[in-house]
Amino acid sequence: MVPRGPAVTVDAVWLDRGRVLLVRRGRPPAEGRWALPGGFVEYGETVEAAVARELREETGLRARPVRLVGVYSGPDRDPRRHTLTIAFEMHGRIGPPRGGDDASQAEWVPFSRARDLAFDHGRILADARGAPARRIRPGRSVA
């Protein structure tokens, strides 16, 4: 029997001067709602590479993960199936984002407007804004 387990996803938390980079979901679930850029980790891919890829695909921006925000694994966090996400704070060259892949729009959103986010992204954002630093060393696992 093949073991069953949650699907692994990643989320990018990019904060800049009172703003957060968000995407408007272009597909269900949560179509039309703001969310953190992110998605599923592909087979053979590290979570660090996956978060950078998903960010690039959904916003057109390039950044690297610099801090682990947290791991979120509630069985009901995604209505499609049980997922766990690894959320990273990202740093890179700030620029104008553009929606791509399954994001219909990407925008730097002031914290005051970053409400009612899809999935559990509101909790992830709150944790990122108040979380103690846990730096990632290049070439090292975050666990």
C-alpha atoms as a PDB file:
ATOM      1  CA  MET A   1       0.000   0.000   0.000  1.00  0.00           C
ATOM      2  CA  VAL A   2       1.278   3.478  -0.910  1.00  0.00           C
ATOM      3  CA  PRO A   3       1.281   5.847   2.082  1.00  0.00           C
ATOM      4  CA  ARG A   4      -1.135   8.751   1.847  1.00  0.00           C
ATOM      5  CA  GLY A   5      -0.147  12.161   3.052  1.00  0.00           C
ATOM      6  CA  PRO A   6      -0.762  15.826   2.479  1.00  0.00           C
ATOM      7  CA  ALA A   7       0.413  17.561  -0.684  1.00  0.00           C
ATOM      8  CA  VAL A   8       3.315  19.950  -0.118  1.00  0.00           C
ATOM      9  CA  THR A   9       2.922  23.597  -1.102  1.00  0.00           C
ATOM     10  CA  VAL A  10       4.897  26.793  -0.586  1.00  0.00           C
ATOM     11  CA  ASP A  11       3.867  30.410  -0.025  1.00  0.00           C
ATOM     12  CA  ALA A  12       5.918  33.572  -0.563  1.00  0.00           C
ATOM     13  CA  VAL A  13       5.632  36.422   1.928  1.00  0.00           C
ATOM     14  CA  TRP A  14       7.304  39.526   0.523  1.00  0.00           C
ATOM     15  CA  LEU A  15       7.007  42.601   2.739  1.00  0.00           C
ATOM     16  CA  ASP A  16       8.099  46.103   1.705  1.00  0.00           C
ATOM     17  CA  ARG A  17       7.481  49.437   3.479  1.00  0.00           C
ATOM     18  CA  GLY A  18       4.060  48.641   4.889  1.00  0.00           C
ATOM     19  CA  ARG A  19       2.977  46.563   1.896  1.00  0.00           C
ATOM     20  CA  VAL A  20       2.771  42.884   1.006  1.00  0.00           C
ATOM     21  CA  LEU A  21       2.939  41.316  -2.442  1.00  0.00           C
ATOM     22  CA  LEU A  22      -0.370  39.567  -3.168  1.00  0.00           C
ATOM     23  CA  VAL A  23      -1.984  37.878  -6.144  1.00  0.00           C
ATOM     24  CA  ARG A  24      -5.651  37.732  -7.043  1.00  0.00           C
ATOM     25  CA  ARG A  25      -6.567  34.111  -7.666  1.00  0.00           C
ATOM     26  CA  GLY A  26      -7.721  33.473 -11.201  1.00  0.00           C
ATOM     27  CA  ARG A  27      -9.115  29.979 -10.554  1.00  0.00           C
ATOM     28  CA  PRO A  28     -11.031  28.084  -7.890  1.00  0.00           C
ATOM     29  CA  PRO A  29     -10.728  27.609  -5.061  1.00  0.00           C
ATOM     30  CA  ALA A  30     -11.006  31.180  -3.769  1.00  0.00           C
ATOM     31  CA  GLU A  31     -11.210  32.599  -7.288  1.00  0.00           C
ATOM     32  CA  GLY A  32     -11.070  36.399  -7.190  1.00  0.00           C
ATOM     33  CA  ARG A  33      -9.654  36.597  -3.652  1.00  0.00           C
ATOM     34  CA  TRP A  34      -6.253  37.956  -2.695  1.00  0.00           C
ATOM     35  CA  ALA A  35      -3.641  35.395  -1.667  1.00  0.00           C
ATOM     36  CA  LEU A  36       0.062  35.033  -1.129  1.00  0.00           C
ATOM     37  CA  PRO A  37       1.919  33.856  -4.236  1.00  0.00           C
ATOM     38  CA  GLY A  38       2.532  30.137  -4.009  1.00  0.00           C
ATOM     39  CA  GLY A  39       1.659  26.672  -5.164  1.00  0.00           C
ATOM     40  CA  PHE A  40       2.570  23.012  -5.244  1.00  0.00           C
ATOM     41  CA  VAL A  41       6.117  21.707  -4.969  1.00  0.00           C
ATOM     42  CA  GLU A  42       7.072  19.630  -8.003  1.00  0.00           C
ATOM     43  CA  TYR A  43       8.687  16.211  -7.719  1.00  0.00           C
ATOM     44  CA  GLY A  44      12.475  16.550  -7.441  1.00  0.00           C
ATOM     45  CA  GLU A  45      12.283  20.232  -6.470  1.00  0.00           C
ATOM     46  CA  THR A  46      13.407  21.751  -3.171  1.00  0.00           C
ATOM     47  CA  VAL A  47      10.907  23.905  -1.318  1.00  0.00           C
ATOM     48  CA  GLU A  48      13.306  26.858  -1.642  1.00  0.00           C
ATOM     49  CA  ALA A  49      13.398  26.460  -5.441  1.00  0.00           C
ATOM     50  CA  ALA A  50       9.621  25.945  -5.554  1.00  0.00           C
ATOM     51  CA  VAL A  51       8.803  29.186  -3.706  1.00  0.00           C
ATOM     52  CA  ALA A  52      11.120  31.195  -5.992  1.00  0.00           C
ATOM     53  CA  ARG A  53       9.566  29.532  -9.087  1.00  0.00           C
ATOM     54  CA  GLU A  54       5.974  30.077  -7.947  1.00  0.00           C
ATOM     55  CA  LEU A  55       6.697  33.722  -7.124  1.00  0.00           C
ATOM     56  CA  ARG A  56       8.233  34.273 -10.570  1.00  0.00           C
ATOM     57  CA  GLU A  57       5.383  32.477 -12.384  1.00  0.00           C
ATOM     58  CA  GLU A  58       2.628  34.353 -10.551  1.00  0.00           C
ATOM     59  CA  THR A  59       4.143  37.862 -10.296  1.00  0.00           C
ATOM     60  CA  GLY A  60       7.022  38.076 -12.797  1.00  0.00           C
ATOM     61  CA  LEU A  61       9.351  39.078  -9.939  1.00  0.00           C
ATOM     62  CA  ARG A  62      12.482  37.283  -8.798  1.00  0.00           C
ATOM     63  CA  ALA A  63      13.397  36.860  -5.148  1.00  0.00           C
ATOM     64  CA  ARG A  64      14.996  34.366  -2.837  1.00  0.00           C
ATOM     65  CA  PRO A  65      13.763  32.910   0.436  1.00  0.00           C
ATOM     66  CA  VAL A  66      15.576  34.427   3.410  1.00  0.00           C
ATOM     67  CA  ARG A  67      13.538  33.316   6.412  1.00  0.00           C
ATOM     68  CA  LEU A  68      11.190  30.518   7.316  1.00  0.00           C
ATOM     69  CA  VAL A  69       7.878  32.024   8.455  1.00  0.00           C
ATOM     70  CA  GLY A  70       6.291  28.709   9.389  1.00  0.00           C
ATOM     71  CA  VAL A  71       4.745  25.414   8.384  1.00  0.00           C
ATOM     72  CA  TYR A  72       0.937  25.284   8.212  1.00  0.00           C
ATOM     73  CA  SER A  73      -0.705  21.887   8.000  1.00  0.00           C
ATOM     74  CA  GLY A  74      -4.358  22.106   9.000  1.00  0.00           C
ATOM     75  CA  PRO A  75      -6.237  19.368   7.124  1.00  0.00           C
ATOM     76  CA  ASP A  76      -8.941  21.859   6.093  1.00  0.00           C
ATOM     77  CA  ARG A  77      -6.679  24.733   4.945  1.00  0.00           C
ATOM     78  CA  ASP A  78      -7.400  23.943   1.258  1.00  0.00           C
ATOM     79  CA  PRO A  79     -10.824  22.653   0.166  1.00  0.00           C
ATOM     80  CA  ARG A  80      -9.320  20.551  -2.652  1.00  0.00           C
ATOM     81  CA  ARG A  81      -7.317  18.234  -0.400  1.00  0.00           C
ATOM     82  CA  HIS A  82      -5.123  18.072   2.670  1.00  0.00           C
ATOM     83  CA  THR A  83      -2.092  20.279   2.028  1.00  0.00           C
ATOM     84  CA  LEU A  84       0.717  21.568   4.145  1.00  0.00           C
ATOM     85  CA  THR A  85       2.482  24.760   3.204  1.00  0.00           C
ATOM     86  CA  ILE A  86       5.918  26.025   4.014  1.00  0.00           C
ATOM     87  CA  ALA A  87       5.869  29.827   4.071  1.00  0.00           C
ATOM     88  CA  PHE A  88       9.013  31.839   3.409  1.00  0.00           C
ATOM     89  CA  GLU A  89       9.843  35.515   3.676  1.00  0.00           C
ATOM     90  CA  MET A  90      11.314  36.640   0.368  1.00  0.00           C
ATOM     91  CA  HIS A  91      13.829  39.350  -0.567  1.00  0.00           C
ATOM     92  CA  GLY A  92      14.737  40.634  -3.997  1.00  0.00           C
ATOM     93  CA  ARG A  93      14.650  43.657  -6.257  1.00  0.00           C
ATOM     94  CA  ILE A  94      11.349  45.470  -5.780  1.00  0.00           C
ATOM     95  CA  GLY A  95       9.475  46.119  -8.988  1.00  0.00           C
ATOM     96  CA  PRO A  96       6.010  46.275 -10.485  1.00  0.00           C
ATOM     97  CA  PRO A  97       4.412  42.810 -10.445  1.00  0.00           C
ATOM     98  CA  ARG A  98       2.212  41.355 -13.158  1.00  0.00           C
ATOM     99  CA  GLY A  99      -0.249  38.514 -12.733  1.00  0.00           C
ATOM    100  CA  GLY A 100       0.654  35.259 -14.438  1.00  0.00           C
ATOM    101  CA  ASP A 101       0.007  31.521 -14.345  1.00  0.00           C
ATOM    102  CA  ASP A 102      -3.102  31.058 -12.133  1.00  0.00           C
ATOM    103  CA  ALA A 103      -2.977  34.633 -10.778  1.00  0.00           C
ATOM    104  CA  SER A 104      -5.214  37.095 -12.619  1.00  0.00           C
ATOM    105  CA  GLN A 105      -3.508  40.076 -10.960  1.00  0.00           C
ATOM    106  CA  ALA A 106      -0.496  40.827  -8.750  1.00  0.00           C
ATOM    107  CA  GLU A 107      -0.082  43.941  -6.647  1.00  0.00           C
ATOM    108  CA  TRP A 108       1.787  45.471  -3.718  1.00  0.00           C
ATOM    109  CA  VAL A 109      -1.071  45.853  -1.227  1.00  0.00           C
ATOM    110  CA  PRO A 110      -0.891  48.034   1.918  1.00  0.00           C
ATOM    111  CA  PHE A 111      -1.214  45.977   5.114  1.00  0.00           C
ATOM    112  CA  SER A 112      -4.409  47.889   5.926  1.00  0.00           C
ATOM    113  CA  ARG A 113      -6.046  46.484   2.747  1.00  0.00           C
ATOM    114  CA  ALA A 114      -4.665  42.932   3.069  1.00  0.00           C
ATOM    115  CA  ARG A 115      -7.804  41.447   4.624  1.00  0.00           C
ATOM    116  CA  ASP A 116      -9.983  38.398   3.945  1.00  0.00           C
ATOM    117  CA  LEU A 117      -7.149  36.542   2.232  1.00  0.00           C
ATOM    118  CA  ALA A 118      -7.669  33.103   0.685  1.00  0.00           C
ATOM    119  CA  PHE A 119      -6.932  29.899   2.604  1.00  0.00           C
ATOM    120  CA  ASP A 120      -5.082  30.630   5.868  1.00  0.00           C
ATOM    121  CA  HIS A 121      -2.948  33.361   4.312  1.00  0.00           C
ATOM    122  CA  GLY A 122      -4.157  35.987   6.790  1.00  0.00           C
ATOM    123  CA  ARG A 123      -2.661  33.932   9.612  1.00  0.00           C
ATOM    124  CA  ILE A 124       0.573  33.411   7.658  1.00  0.00           C
ATOM    125  CA  LEU A 125       0.858  37.149   6.992  1.00  0.00           C
ATOM    126  CA  ALA A 126       0.213  37.956  10.661  1.00  0.00           C
ATOM    127  CA  ASP A 127       2.873  35.460  11.697  1.00  0.00           C
ATOM    128  CA  ALA A 128       5.356  36.916   9.191  1.00  0.00           C
ATOM    129  CA  ARG A 129       4.827  40.420  10.512  1.00  0.00           C
ATOM    130  CA  GLY A 130       5.416  39.352  14.105  1.00  0.00           C
ATOM    131  CA  ALA A 131       7.611  36.273  13.795  1.00  0.00           C
ATOM    132  CA  PRO A 132      11.086  36.044  15.272  1.00  0.00           C
ATOM    133  CA  ALA A 133      13.807  35.658  12.658  1.00  0.00           C
ATOM    134  CA  ARG A 134      14.904  32.170  11.657  1.00  0.00           C
ATOM    135  CA  ARG A 135      17.397  32.786   8.882  1.00  0.00           C
ATOM    136  CA  ILE A 136      18.034  30.341   6.067  1.00  0.00           C
ATOM    137  CA  ARG A 137      21.612  29.541   5.208  1.00  0.00           C
ATOM    138  CA  PRO A 138      22.159  29.003   1.454  1.00  0.00           C
ATOM    139  CA  GLY A 139      22.532  25.345   0.553  1.00  0.00           C
ATOM    140  CA  ARG A 140      21.035  24.157   3.846  1.00  0.00           C
ATOM    141  CA  SER A 141      17.717  22.577   4.607  1.00  0.00           C
ATOM    142  CA  VAL A 142      15.345  24.726   6.660  1.00  0.00           C
ATOM    143  CA  ALA A 143      14.400  21.858   8.959  1.00  0.00           C
END
